[in-house]
Amino acid sequence: MSIDIASAVSRVASEPTPFAAPPSPAPVRFNFDAGWPCPATFPIDDLRRLAARSLDDPTVLGYTSVRSDGQGAVYAAPDFPARDELALGDPRLREEIGRWLGRRGARSLTAANVVLTSGSAQAIALCAAALVDPGDTAIVEWPTFPFAVRSLTIKGAAIARVRVGPDGLDVDELQCLLSELSARGARPRLLYTIPTHHPPTGAVLPLEARQRVLALAEQWNLVVVEDAVYSDLHFGEAPPPSLLELDTTGRVIQVHSFSKILAPGLRVGWACGYPEMIERLATVREDLGVSRWLSRILASYLEEGRLAGHLDEVRRTYRHRRDVAAAALRAGCGDAVEFELPGGGLYLWVTVDDSVDWPAAREAAARRGVAVRGLETLAQADLPVRQCFRLGYAHLAETELERGIAILSEEIVAARTTPS
């Protein structure tokens, strides 16, 4: 008799993955659902050169920098024992990341402040494992990155939500929520927030609001997990200082990654915070660290000072594609949609007018090969779903953006049930 999978696996394994999207009625030709970087921006020549050079040191293909003399004796770098390399990651890359972050925040950060992870998603998962026990309350934004919610629920957290408005996290609502939780006897353990170029809304939390968040975190003894993966993708004025930069009490853990700023296939990210907190994240990891080869390549890339120039190029590319997508949407839809031009990130956050039958328009566009990300996937909650969608513009060429948005616009206008 074949195994009954439903009864054999855990509750979590029985739930749909956040990767899951509604089945498409036709092959997807214009994938605006995705949050993918542009392949044309990947620094392939530099990575190829550094990959070859890194192999001069054969230990980059091992677990650690432990060396053998060929006669049975092994040697480890005295300042970075093997345990630290496995738990925290390659010391050179951690040092370079700390130096890069420290320069931006005018503070001293070293390898001790950084743990390497498989993208920012694993960094979030480590935060959940280190900070949450079953039954604890975790506060997240609404809408938010669904994998963060999944990591927290897998660890047994009770999820409480705070709305994101035009200026980011609603700090007044957060303050009220903390009081309500306290009155119910629930102690929140952490706040997960994306304060800079929030996906999907594009909102940037103002400096004063960031300071209020940190003050509330200190008052209620919260750890703040700051997701900064989009923070370097600004198209004009730089955003306010990060929560990590403003933190003076050791309660901020910033998660970040090379996925959006270099290439997602590298699968190298990190968490940064006070050393005592970073040690706790390393304690709960369940793997043997990220690739030492890729880490060494990236360490050399940072050592050569190439990231700043690369980011300038990436920002120019994404700003142009943002403008192309926005112009196409305005020309095709007119007042059938509303959106603010984001100051950074990879998405337009679009509200469809109530006069449009948005589910019908979305289905019709899907039949013509156009996919967008609806709010229901990002909400991760039984909450009212508005007529909104996220449109990812970064990975498609200009002509593809215009063609796909023209199809989407046609269906939105055609689904208008009342005159404009």
Protein backbone atom coordinates (compact mmCIF):
# COMPACT_ATOMS: atom_id res chain seq x y z
CA MET A 1 0.00 0.00 0.00
CA SER A 2 1.36 3.45 -0.97
CA ILE A 3 2.20 5.87 1.79
CA ASP A 4 -0.42 8.45 2.76
CA ILE A 5 1.66 11.59 2.38
CA ALA A 6 -0.92 13.83 4.06
CA SER A 7 -0.72 11.84 7.30
CA ALA A 8 3.04 11.29 7.10
CA VAL A 9 4.28 14.88 6.94
CA SER A 10 4.18 17.70 9.46
CA ARG A 11 1.54 20.39 9.61
CA VAL A 12 3.95 22.93 8.15
CA ALA A 13 4.86 20.67 5.24
CA SER A 14 1.15 20.29 4.46
CA GLU A 15 0.70 24.03 3.96
CA PRO A 16 1.20 25.73 0.59
CA THR A 17 4.60 27.26 0.03
CA PRO A 18 4.89 31.06 -0.31
CA PHE A 19 6.37 30.36 -3.76
CA ALA A 20 2.96 29.20 -4.88
CA ALA A 21 1.09 31.50 -7.24
CA PRO A 22 -2.39 31.02 -8.67
CA PRO A 23 -2.27 28.60 -11.62
CA SER A 24 -1.87 30.50 -14.87
CA PRO A 25 -4.42 29.81 -17.61
CA ALA A 26 -1.71 30.36 -20.25
CA PRO A 27 2.09 30.37 -20.49
CA VAL A 28 3.53 33.47 -18.83
CA ARG A 29 5.17 35.74 -21.39
CA PHE A 30 5.43 38.90 -19.28
CA ASN A 31 6.26 38.00 -15.69
CA PHE A 32 5.62 41.16 -13.70
CA ASP A 33 4.93 38.93 -10.70
CA ALA A 34 8.65 38.35 -10.16
CA GLY A 35 11.03 40.46 -8.10
CA TRP A 36 14.07 39.52 -10.13
CA PRO A 37 17.09 41.73 -10.76
CA CYS A 38 18.18 42.49 -14.32
CA PRO A 39 20.64 39.91 -15.72
CA ALA A 40 22.32 42.62 -17.80
CA THR A 41 23.59 44.19 -14.56
CA PHE A 42 25.32 41.05 -13.27
CA PRO A 43 29.11 41.69 -13.05
CA ILE A 44 29.93 38.52 -14.96
CA ASP A 45 33.42 39.47 -16.16
CA ASP A 46 34.57 40.43 -12.66
CA LEU A 47 33.06 37.31 -11.12
CA ARG A 48 34.66 35.07 -13.77
CA ARG A 49 38.08 36.63 -13.20
CA LEU A 50 37.86 36.46 -9.42
CA ALA A 51 36.47 32.92 -9.47
CA ALA A 52 39.49 31.67 -11.40
CA ARG A 53 41.96 33.58 -9.21
CA SER A 54 40.40 32.32 -6.00
CA LEU A 55 41.17 28.72 -6.97
CA ASP A 56 44.86 29.40 -6.43
CA ASP A 57 43.96 28.67 -2.81
CA PRO A 58 42.49 25.12 -2.77
CA THR A 59 40.98 25.60 0.68
CA VAL A 60 38.21 27.71 -0.90
CA LEU A 61 36.66 24.40 -1.96
CA GLY A 62 36.75 22.98 1.55
CA TYR A 63 34.62 23.45 4.63
CA THR A 64 37.16 25.76 6.30
CA SER A 65 40.63 27.24 5.82
CA VAL A 66 42.18 24.28 7.61
CA ARG A 67 45.27 23.18 5.65
CA SER A 68 47.26 19.98 5.55
CA ASP A 69 50.99 19.65 5.01
CA GLY A 70 50.45 16.34 3.21
CA GLN A 71 52.04 14.40 6.06
CA GLY A 72 49.12 14.26 8.46
CA ALA A 73 49.52 17.64 10.14
CA VAL A 74 46.76 20.21 9.73
CA TYR A 75 46.81 23.92 10.38
CA ALA A 76 44.01 26.43 11.00
CA ALA A 77 44.30 30.18 10.89
CA PRO A 78 44.79 31.07 14.59
CA ASP A 79 42.51 34.10 14.59
CA PHE A 80 39.60 32.33 12.91
CA PRO A 81 39.18 28.77 14.18
CA ALA A 82 37.26 26.25 12.11
CA ARG A 83 34.18 26.45 14.34
CA ASP A 84 33.78 30.16 13.61
CA GLU A 85 34.18 29.62 9.89
CA LEU A 86 31.47 26.96 9.86
CA ALA A 87 29.06 28.85 12.09
CA LEU A 88 29.69 32.44 11.00
CA GLY A 89 31.23 32.15 7.54
CA ASP A 90 34.36 33.25 5.72
CA PRO A 91 36.14 35.86 7.88
CA ARG A 92 37.43 37.91 4.94
CA LEU A 93 33.96 38.44 3.50
CA ARG A 94 32.48 39.16 6.91
CA GLU A 95 35.20 41.74 7.53
CA GLU A 96 34.57 43.39 4.16
CA ILE A 97 30.80 43.49 4.69
CA GLY A 98 31.33 45.04 8.12
CA ARG A 99 33.68 47.62 6.66
CA TRP A 100 31.22 48.48 3.84
CA LEU A 101 28.28 48.85 6.23
CA GLY A 102 30.38 50.74 8.73
CA ARG A 103 31.51 53.32 6.16
CA ARG A 104 27.89 54.09 5.30
CA GLY A 105 26.89 54.41 8.93
CA ALA A 106 30.07 56.07 10.21
CA ARG A 107 30.56 53.39 12.82
CA SER A 108 32.98 50.55 13.41
CA LEU A 109 31.72 47.16 12.24
CA THR A 110 33.92 44.09 11.89
CA ALA A 111 33.64 40.40 11.11
CA ALA A 112 32.31 39.88 14.64
CA ASN A 113 29.17 41.83 13.69
CA VAL A 114 28.32 39.61 10.70
CA VAL A 115 27.11 36.07 10.07
CA LEU A 116 26.89 34.83 6.47
CA THR A 117 23.71 33.14 5.28
CA SER A 118 22.16 31.64 2.18
CA GLY A 119 20.45 34.85 1.10
CA SER A 120 18.45 37.12 3.37
CA ALA A 121 15.73 34.46 3.69
CA GLN A 122 18.03 32.25 5.76
CA ALA A 123 19.08 35.26 7.83
CA ILE A 124 15.41 35.84 8.68
CA ALA A 125 14.97 32.15 9.47
CA LEU A 126 17.94 32.28 11.86
CA CYS A 127 16.38 35.28 13.60
CA ALA A 128 13.14 33.34 14.00
CA ALA A 129 14.97 30.32 15.39
CA ALA A 130 17.08 32.37 17.80
CA LEU A 131 14.38 34.74 19.07
CA VAL A 132 11.06 32.89 19.05
CA ASP A 133 9.72 30.05 21.17
CA PRO A 134 6.35 28.42 20.40
CA GLY A 135 3.55 30.71 21.51
CA ASP A 136 5.60 33.90 21.46
CA THR A 137 4.23 36.88 19.55
CA ALA A 138 6.03 38.32 16.54
CA ILE A 139 4.97 41.59 14.93
CA VAL A 140 5.14 41.97 11.16
CA GLU A 141 4.00 44.57 8.68
CA TRP A 142 0.97 44.17 6.46
CA PRO A 143 1.61 43.53 3.64
CA THR A 144 5.08 42.04 3.87
CA PHE A 145 7.57 39.45 2.60
CA PRO A 146 5.68 36.14 2.94
CA PHE A 147 8.78 34.06 3.69
CA ALA A 148 9.40 36.08 6.85
CA VAL A 149 5.92 35.21 8.10
CA ARG A 150 6.48 31.58 7.18
CA SER A 151 9.78 31.39 9.06
CA LEU A 152 8.13 32.81 12.16
CA THR A 153 5.07 30.55 12.02
CA ILE A 154 7.24 27.48 11.50
CA LYS A 155 8.84 28.31 14.86
CA GLY A 156 5.41 28.56 16.46
CA ALA A 157 5.06 32.34 16.67
CA ALA A 158 1.69 34.03 16.97
CA ILE A 159 1.65 36.72 14.29
CA ALA A 160 0.42 40.27 14.97
CA ARG A 161 0.23 42.75 12.11
CA VAL A 162 0.70 46.49 11.68
CA ARG A 163 -0.35 48.29 8.53
CA VAL A 164 2.05 49.95 6.11
CA GLY A 165 0.92 53.35 4.83
CA PRO A 166 2.37 55.84 2.35
CA ASP A 167 5.21 56.60 4.77
CA GLY A 168 5.87 53.03 5.81
CA LEU A 169 5.06 51.27 9.07
CA ASP A 170 2.22 52.95 10.98
CA VAL A 171 4.09 53.73 14.21
CA ASP A 172 0.95 54.94 16.01
CA GLU A 173 -0.71 51.61 15.26
CA LEU A 174 2.42 49.79 16.45
CA GLN A 175 2.29 51.67 19.74
CA CYS A 176 -1.39 50.80 20.24
CA LEU A 177 -0.74 47.16 19.35
CA LEU A 178 2.06 46.87 21.91
CA SER A 179 -0.25 48.19 24.62
CA GLU A 180 -3.03 45.81 23.58
CA LEU A 181 -0.70 42.83 23.59
CA SER A 182 0.55 43.76 27.04
CA ALA A 183 -3.02 44.05 28.33
CA ARG A 184 -3.70 40.51 27.05
CA GLY A 185 -0.56 39.19 28.71
CA ALA A 186 1.19 38.53 25.41
CA ARG A 187 4.85 39.52 25.25
CA PRO A 188 6.03 40.27 21.71
CA ARG A 189 9.57 39.11 21.06
CA LEU A 190 10.41 40.81 17.79
CA LEU A 191 9.35 43.25 15.11
CA TYR A 192 10.12 42.39 11.48
CA THR A 193 10.13 45.51 9.30
CA ILE A 194 11.26 46.66 5.85
CA PRO A 195 11.69 50.41 6.41
CA THR A 196 13.43 51.30 3.13
CA HIS A 197 11.74 50.85 -0.27
CA HIS A 198 9.23 48.51 1.28
CA PRO A 199 7.98 45.81 -1.08
CA PRO A 200 5.36 46.05 -2.36
CA THR A 201 4.48 49.64 -1.44
CA GLY A 202 7.87 51.30 -2.05
CA ALA A 203 7.42 53.32 1.16
CA VAL A 204 10.40 54.77 3.03
CA LEU A 205 10.01 55.25 6.78
CA PRO A 206 11.00 58.82 7.75
CA LEU A 207 13.83 59.44 10.21
CA GLU A 208 11.57 60.56 13.05
CA ALA A 209 9.43 57.43 12.67
CA ARG A 210 12.56 55.26 12.70
CA GLN A 211 13.61 56.86 15.96
CA ARG A 212 10.14 56.23 17.41
CA VAL A 213 10.31 52.57 16.41
CA LEU A 214 13.61 52.18 18.24
CA ALA A 215 12.25 53.97 21.30
CA LEU A 216 9.23 51.65 21.39
CA ALA A 217 11.52 48.64 20.93
CA GLU A 218 13.55 49.74 23.93
CA GLN A 219 10.43 50.41 26.00
CA TRP A 220 8.92 46.99 25.25
CA ASN A 221 12.22 45.06 25.04
CA LEU A 222 11.73 44.11 21.39
CA VAL A 223 14.37 42.90 18.98
CA VAL A 224 13.97 44.65 15.63
CA VAL A 225 14.76 42.61 12.53
CA GLU A 226 15.41 45.17 9.79
CA ASP A 227 15.19 43.81 6.23
CA ALA A 228 17.50 45.99 4.13
CA VAL A 229 17.67 44.08 0.85
CA TYR A 230 16.26 47.02 -1.16
CA SER A 231 17.92 49.80 0.82
CA ASP A 232 20.77 50.36 -1.65
CA LEU A 233 18.48 50.61 -4.69
CA HIS A 234 17.62 54.31 -4.35
CA PHE A 235 17.23 56.46 -7.45
CA GLY A 236 17.74 59.93 -6.08
CA GLU A 237 18.25 61.18 -2.57
CA ALA A 238 19.63 58.53 -0.24
CA PRO A 239 17.18 57.23 2.38
CA PRO A 240 17.44 58.09 6.09
CA PRO A 241 19.96 56.20 8.22
CA SER A 242 19.05 52.57 8.69
CA LEU A 243 17.70 51.26 11.98
CA LEU A 244 21.02 49.47 12.42
CA GLU A 245 22.87 52.78 12.06
CA LEU A 246 20.55 54.44 14.59
CA ASP A 247 20.66 51.58 17.09
CA THR A 248 22.46 52.29 20.37
CA THR A 249 21.09 49.44 22.50
CA GLY A 250 22.04 46.33 20.51
CA ARG A 251 18.48 45.34 19.64
CA VAL A 252 18.60 45.69 15.83
CA ILE A 253 19.55 42.83 13.56
CA GLN A 254 19.82 43.91 9.94
CA VAL A 255 19.41 41.26 7.25
CA HIS A 256 20.75 41.92 3.77
CA SER A 257 22.01 40.08 0.71
CA PHE A 258 23.87 40.31 -2.58
CA SER A 259 20.79 38.97 -4.39
CA LYS A 260 19.28 42.32 -5.41
CA ILE A 261 22.51 44.30 -5.78
CA LEU A 262 24.79 41.75 -7.52
CA ALA A 263 23.08 38.51 -8.55
CA PRO A 264 20.50 36.29 -6.80
CA GLY A 265 22.16 33.05 -7.88
CA LEU A 266 25.11 33.78 -5.60
CA ARG A 267 22.82 32.94 -2.65
CA VAL A 268 25.00 34.84 -0.21
CA GLY A 269 23.44 37.11 2.38
CA TRP A 270 24.10 38.09 5.96
CA ALA A 271 22.78 39.31 9.27
CA CYS A 272 24.53 42.17 11.03
CA GLY A 273 24.21 43.28 14.64
CA TYR A 274 25.94 43.35 17.98
CA PRO A 275 28.41 40.44 18.31
CA GLU A 276 26.54 38.87 21.22
CA MET A 277 23.37 38.66 19.12
CA ILE A 278 25.21 37.40 16.03
CA GLU A 279 26.67 34.58 18.13
CA ARG A 280 23.14 33.49 19.04
CA LEU A 281 22.17 33.35 15.35
CA ALA A 282 25.21 31.22 14.62
CA THR A 283 24.25 28.88 17.45
CA VAL A 284 20.90 27.93 15.89
CA ARG A 285 21.97 27.41 12.28
CA GLU A 286 21.38 23.92 10.94
CA ASP A 287 23.87 23.78 8.09
CA LEU A 288 27.62 24.06 7.68
CA GLY A 289 27.64 27.57 6.32
CA VAL A 290 27.63 29.10 2.86
CA SER A 291 30.04 28.37 0.01
CA ARG A 292 33.59 29.38 0.88
CA TRP A 293 34.41 29.70 -2.82
CA LEU A 294 31.63 32.21 -3.47
CA SER A 295 32.46 33.98 -0.22
CA ARG A 296 36.08 34.39 -1.25
CA ILE A 297 35.07 35.69 -4.69
CA LEU A 298 32.79 38.26 -3.09
CA ALA A 299 35.42 39.23 -0.52
CA SER A 300 37.84 40.01 -3.36
CA TYR A 301 35.15 41.94 -5.21
CA LEU A 302 34.60 44.16 -2.17
CA GLU A 303 38.33 44.45 -1.47
CA GLU A 304 38.82 45.82 -4.99
CA GLY A 305 36.22 48.50 -4.27
CA ARG A 306 33.97 47.52 -7.17
CA LEU A 307 30.61 47.53 -5.41
CA ALA A 308 30.11 51.32 -5.34
CA GLY A 309 30.51 51.74 -9.11
CA HIS A 310 28.36 48.69 -9.75
CA LEU A 311 25.56 50.08 -7.59
CA ASP A 312 25.64 53.36 -9.53
CA GLU A 313 25.07 51.40 -12.75
CA VAL A 314 22.32 49.28 -11.21
CA ARG A 315 20.49 52.37 -9.92
CA ARG A 316 20.61 54.02 -13.35
CA THR A 317 19.25 50.88 -15.01
CA TYR A 318 16.39 50.41 -12.56
CA ARG A 319 15.46 54.07 -12.49
CA HIS A 320 15.10 54.03 -16.27
CA ARG A 321 12.98 50.87 -16.20
CA ARG A 322 10.83 52.31 -13.44
CA ASP A 323 10.18 55.36 -15.60
CA VAL A 324 9.38 53.25 -18.67
CA ALA A 325 6.94 51.08 -16.70
CA ALA A 326 5.26 54.08 -15.07
CA ALA A 327 4.84 55.92 -18.37
CA ALA A 328 3.39 52.83 -20.06
CA LEU A 329 0.93 52.24 -17.23
CA ARG A 330 -0.22 55.86 -17.18
CA ALA A 331 -0.62 55.97 -20.94
CA GLY A 332 -2.53 52.72 -21.08
CA CYS A 333 -4.74 52.99 -18.00
CA GLY A 334 -5.28 56.69 -17.38
CA ASP A 335 -7.30 57.23 -14.22
CA ALA A 336 -8.22 53.54 -13.97
CA VAL A 337 -5.14 53.09 -11.75
CA GLU A 338 -3.23 55.10 -9.16
CA PHE A 339 0.35 54.74 -7.95
CA GLU A 340 3.19 56.78 -6.50
CA LEU A 341 6.49 56.79 -8.33
CA PRO A 342 8.80 54.89 -5.96
CA GLY A 343 12.14 56.39 -4.99
CA GLY A 344 13.84 53.00 -5.21
CA GLY A 345 13.38 49.26 -5.26
CA LEU A 346 12.09 46.97 -7.97
CA TYR A 347 8.32 47.46 -8.00
CA LEU A 348 5.38 49.67 -8.76
CA TRP A 349 2.54 49.35 -6.24
CA VAL A 350 -0.69 49.97 -8.12
CA THR A 351 -4.24 50.53 -6.86
CA VAL A 352 -6.99 49.76 -9.37
CA ASP A 353 -10.03 52.02 -9.38
CA ASP A 354 -13.24 50.62 -7.91
CA SER A 355 -14.91 51.08 -11.29
CA VAL A 356 -12.78 48.22 -12.64
CA ASP A 357 -13.61 44.55 -12.14
CA TRP A 358 -10.02 43.82 -11.16
CA PRO A 359 -10.35 40.03 -10.76
CA ALA A 360 -11.80 39.82 -14.28
CA ALA A 361 -9.09 42.07 -15.70
CA ARG A 362 -6.34 40.08 -14.00
CA GLU A 363 -7.74 36.80 -15.30
CA ALA A 364 -8.04 38.17 -18.83
CA ALA A 365 -4.47 39.47 -18.74
CA ALA A 366 -3.27 36.10 -17.43
CA ARG A 367 -4.90 34.39 -20.41
CA ARG A 368 -2.76 36.63 -22.60
CA GLY A 369 0.41 35.72 -20.71
CA VAL A 370 0.70 38.63 -18.25
CA ALA A 371 1.31 37.84 -14.56
CA VAL A 372 1.29 40.31 -11.65
CA ARG A 373 1.52 39.79 -7.88
CA GLY A 374 -1.76 40.35 -6.08
CA LEU A 375 -2.13 41.59 -2.53
CA GLU A 376 -3.52 38.25 -1.36
CA THR A 377 -0.09 36.61 -1.70
CA LEU A 378 1.65 39.40 0.21
CA ALA A 379 -0.95 39.81 2.94
CA GLN A 380 -0.56 36.31 4.42
CA ALA A 381 -3.65 36.92 6.53
CA ASP A 382 -7.43 36.80 6.54
CA LEU A 383 -7.71 40.54 6.00
CA PRO A 384 -9.64 42.61 3.44
CA VAL A 385 -7.88 42.45 0.08
CA ARG A 386 -7.94 45.73 -1.82
CA GLN A 387 -7.74 46.13 -5.58
CA CYS A 388 -3.96 46.33 -5.66
CA PHE A 389 -1.12 44.64 -7.46
CA ARG A 390 2.67 44.72 -7.48
CA LEU A 391 4.41 45.11 -10.82
CA GLY A 392 8.07 44.08 -10.97
CA TYR A 393 9.90 46.05 -13.66
CA ALA A 394 13.60 45.40 -13.10
CA HIS A 395 14.29 42.23 -15.08
CA LEU A 396 12.43 42.96 -18.33
CA ALA A 397 13.87 44.92 -21.24
CA GLU A 398 12.24 48.21 -22.20
CA THR A 399 10.34 46.79 -25.17
CA GLU A 400 9.04 43.87 -23.09
CA LEU A 401 7.90 46.23 -20.35
CA GLU A 402 5.94 48.29 -22.84
CA ARG A 403 4.38 45.30 -24.61
CA GLY A 404 3.34 43.52 -21.43
CA ILE A 405 1.97 46.65 -19.75
CA ALA A 406 0.01 47.51 -22.90
CA ILE A 407 -1.77 44.13 -22.69
CA LEU A 408 -2.42 44.55 -18.97
CA SER A 409 -3.75 48.07 -19.53
CA GLU A 410 -6.10 46.95 -22.27
CA GLU A 411 -7.70 44.42 -19.95
CA ILE A 412 -7.97 46.88 -17.06
CA VAL A 413 -9.73 49.44 -19.25
CA ALA A 414 -11.95 46.78 -20.83
CA ALA A 415 -13.03 45.59 -17.35
CA ARG A 416 -14.25 49.01 -16.29
CA THR A 417 -17.87 48.53 -15.25
CA THR A 418 -18.78 52.23 -14.89
CA PRO A 419 -17.78 55.20 -17.05
CA SER A 420 -14.67 57.11 -16.04
